[in-house]
Amino acid sequence: MFSRESAERTLVEVLNADYQVDDDSLVIVPELTIEKNYGWIFFYQSKKYLETEVFSYRLAGNGPVVFEKETGAVHHLGSHKHPDELIREFEAKRTK
């Protein structure tokens, strides 16, 4: 079982494994995190954008990511719909 802190560390490693931008990394935005009984829904952004608020550093298409506390499974929900709708759809699939 993962704690929130270990889930955040693991997810940051996963997100940054393929992020190849000089002098930047992807970070969790803690105030947007949603805690659920099955885990956490994390939102992330470019560290450079959060530090500078320069729009050109802002990510696009970075939807919420579910981290399941029991298994460590990571589910990228996408960005093609409002996050609330994506979360509802994910949860509906979990109960089937």
Protein backbone atom coordinates (compact mmCIF):
# COMPACT_ATOMS: atom_id res chain seq x y z
CA MET A 1 0.00 0.00 0.00
CA PHE A 2 1.25 3.46 -0.93
CA SER A 3 1.11 6.59 1.20
CA ARG A 4 0.28 9.88 -0.49
CA GLU A 5 3.91 10.95 -0.22
CA SER A 6 5.24 7.76 -1.81
CA ALA A 7 2.56 7.96 -4.51
CA GLU A 8 3.62 11.52 -5.33
CA ARG A 9 7.30 10.56 -5.52
CA THR A 10 6.53 7.56 -7.73
CA LEU A 11 4.26 9.52 -10.03
CA VAL A 12 6.78 12.35 -10.45
CA GLU A 13 9.37 9.75 -11.51
CA VAL A 14 6.90 8.24 -14.01
CA LEU A 15 5.91 11.63 -15.43
CA ASN A 16 9.49 12.82 -15.81
CA ALA A 17 10.80 9.60 -17.37
CA ASP A 18 9.78 10.84 -20.83
CA TYR A 19 9.83 14.61 -20.23
CA GLN A 20 12.84 15.97 -22.08
CA VAL A 21 12.76 19.75 -21.60
CA ASP A 22 15.97 21.52 -20.64
CA ASP A 23 16.00 23.07 -17.17
CA ASP A 24 12.46 21.90 -16.39
CA SER A 25 10.60 19.03 -14.79
CA LEU A 26 7.01 18.03 -14.13
CA VAL A 27 5.65 18.49 -10.63
CA ILE A 28 2.45 17.67 -8.78
CA VAL A 29 0.20 20.63 -7.96
CA PRO A 30 -0.68 19.57 -4.39
CA GLU A 31 -3.61 21.92 -3.85
CA LEU A 32 -5.46 20.29 -6.75
CA THR A 33 -5.03 16.71 -5.51
CA ILE A 34 -8.25 14.81 -4.86
CA GLU A 35 -8.20 11.98 -2.33
CA LYS A 36 -10.45 8.99 -2.97
CA ASN A 37 -10.86 5.69 -1.15
CA TYR A 38 -8.96 3.93 -3.96
CA GLY A 39 -6.10 6.43 -4.20
CA TRP A 40 -5.44 9.95 -5.40
CA ILE A 41 -6.16 12.02 -8.45
CA PHE A 42 -3.16 14.20 -9.16
CA PHE A 43 -2.77 17.17 -11.44
CA TYR A 44 0.65 18.22 -12.68
CA GLN A 45 2.33 21.10 -14.41
CA SER A 46 5.69 22.33 -15.60
CA LYS A 47 7.84 23.43 -12.67
CA LYS A 48 9.17 26.27 -14.80
CA TYR A 49 5.64 27.54 -15.43
CA LEU A 50 4.68 27.37 -11.75
CA GLU A 51 7.82 29.29 -10.78
CA THR A 52 7.63 31.97 -13.48
CA GLU A 53 4.00 32.04 -14.70
CA VAL A 54 5.39 32.54 -18.21
CA PHE A 55 2.63 31.18 -20.43
CA SER A 56 5.00 29.59 -22.95
CA TYR A 57 6.18 27.18 -20.22
CA ARG A 58 2.65 26.01 -19.41
CA LEU A 59 1.70 22.49 -20.40
CA ALA A 60 -1.30 21.74 -22.59
CA GLY A 61 -3.07 18.40 -22.69
CA ASN A 62 -1.99 17.32 -19.23
CA GLY A 63 -5.14 15.85 -17.73
CA PRO A 64 -5.54 14.30 -14.31
CA VAL A 65 -3.70 11.14 -13.32
CA VAL A 66 -5.12 8.50 -10.98
CA PHE A 67 -2.71 6.67 -8.69
CA GLU A 68 -4.21 3.59 -7.04
CA LYS A 69 -2.94 3.20 -3.48
CA GLU A 70 -3.27 -0.60 -3.31
CA THR A 71 -1.46 -1.50 -6.53
CA GLY A 72 0.47 1.59 -7.59
CA ALA A 73 -1.36 1.52 -10.92
CA VAL A 74 -1.24 4.82 -12.80
CA HIS A 75 -4.10 5.89 -15.08
CA HIS A 76 -3.75 8.96 -17.31
CA LEU A 77 -7.30 10.21 -17.80
CA GLY A 78 -6.56 12.49 -20.73
CA SER A 79 -7.62 16.05 -21.37
CA HIS A 80 -10.35 15.70 -23.96
CA LYS A 81 -13.15 16.43 -21.43
CA HIS A 82 -13.56 18.37 -18.20
CA PRO A 83 -11.63 16.65 -15.37
CA ASP A 84 -14.82 16.04 -13.36
CA GLU A 85 -16.32 14.11 -16.26
CA LEU A 86 -13.14 12.10 -16.80
CA ILE A 87 -13.08 11.17 -13.12
CA ARG A 88 -16.76 10.11 -13.18
CA GLU A 89 -16.09 7.92 -16.23
CA PHE A 90 -13.04 6.34 -14.58
CA GLU A 91 -14.99 5.59 -11.41
CA ALA A 92 -17.90 4.12 -13.37
CA LYS A 93 -15.50 1.70 -15.10
CA ARG A 94 -13.95 0.73 -11.75
CA THR A 95 -17.31 -0.45 -10.36
CA LYS A 96 -18.11 -2.76 -13.29
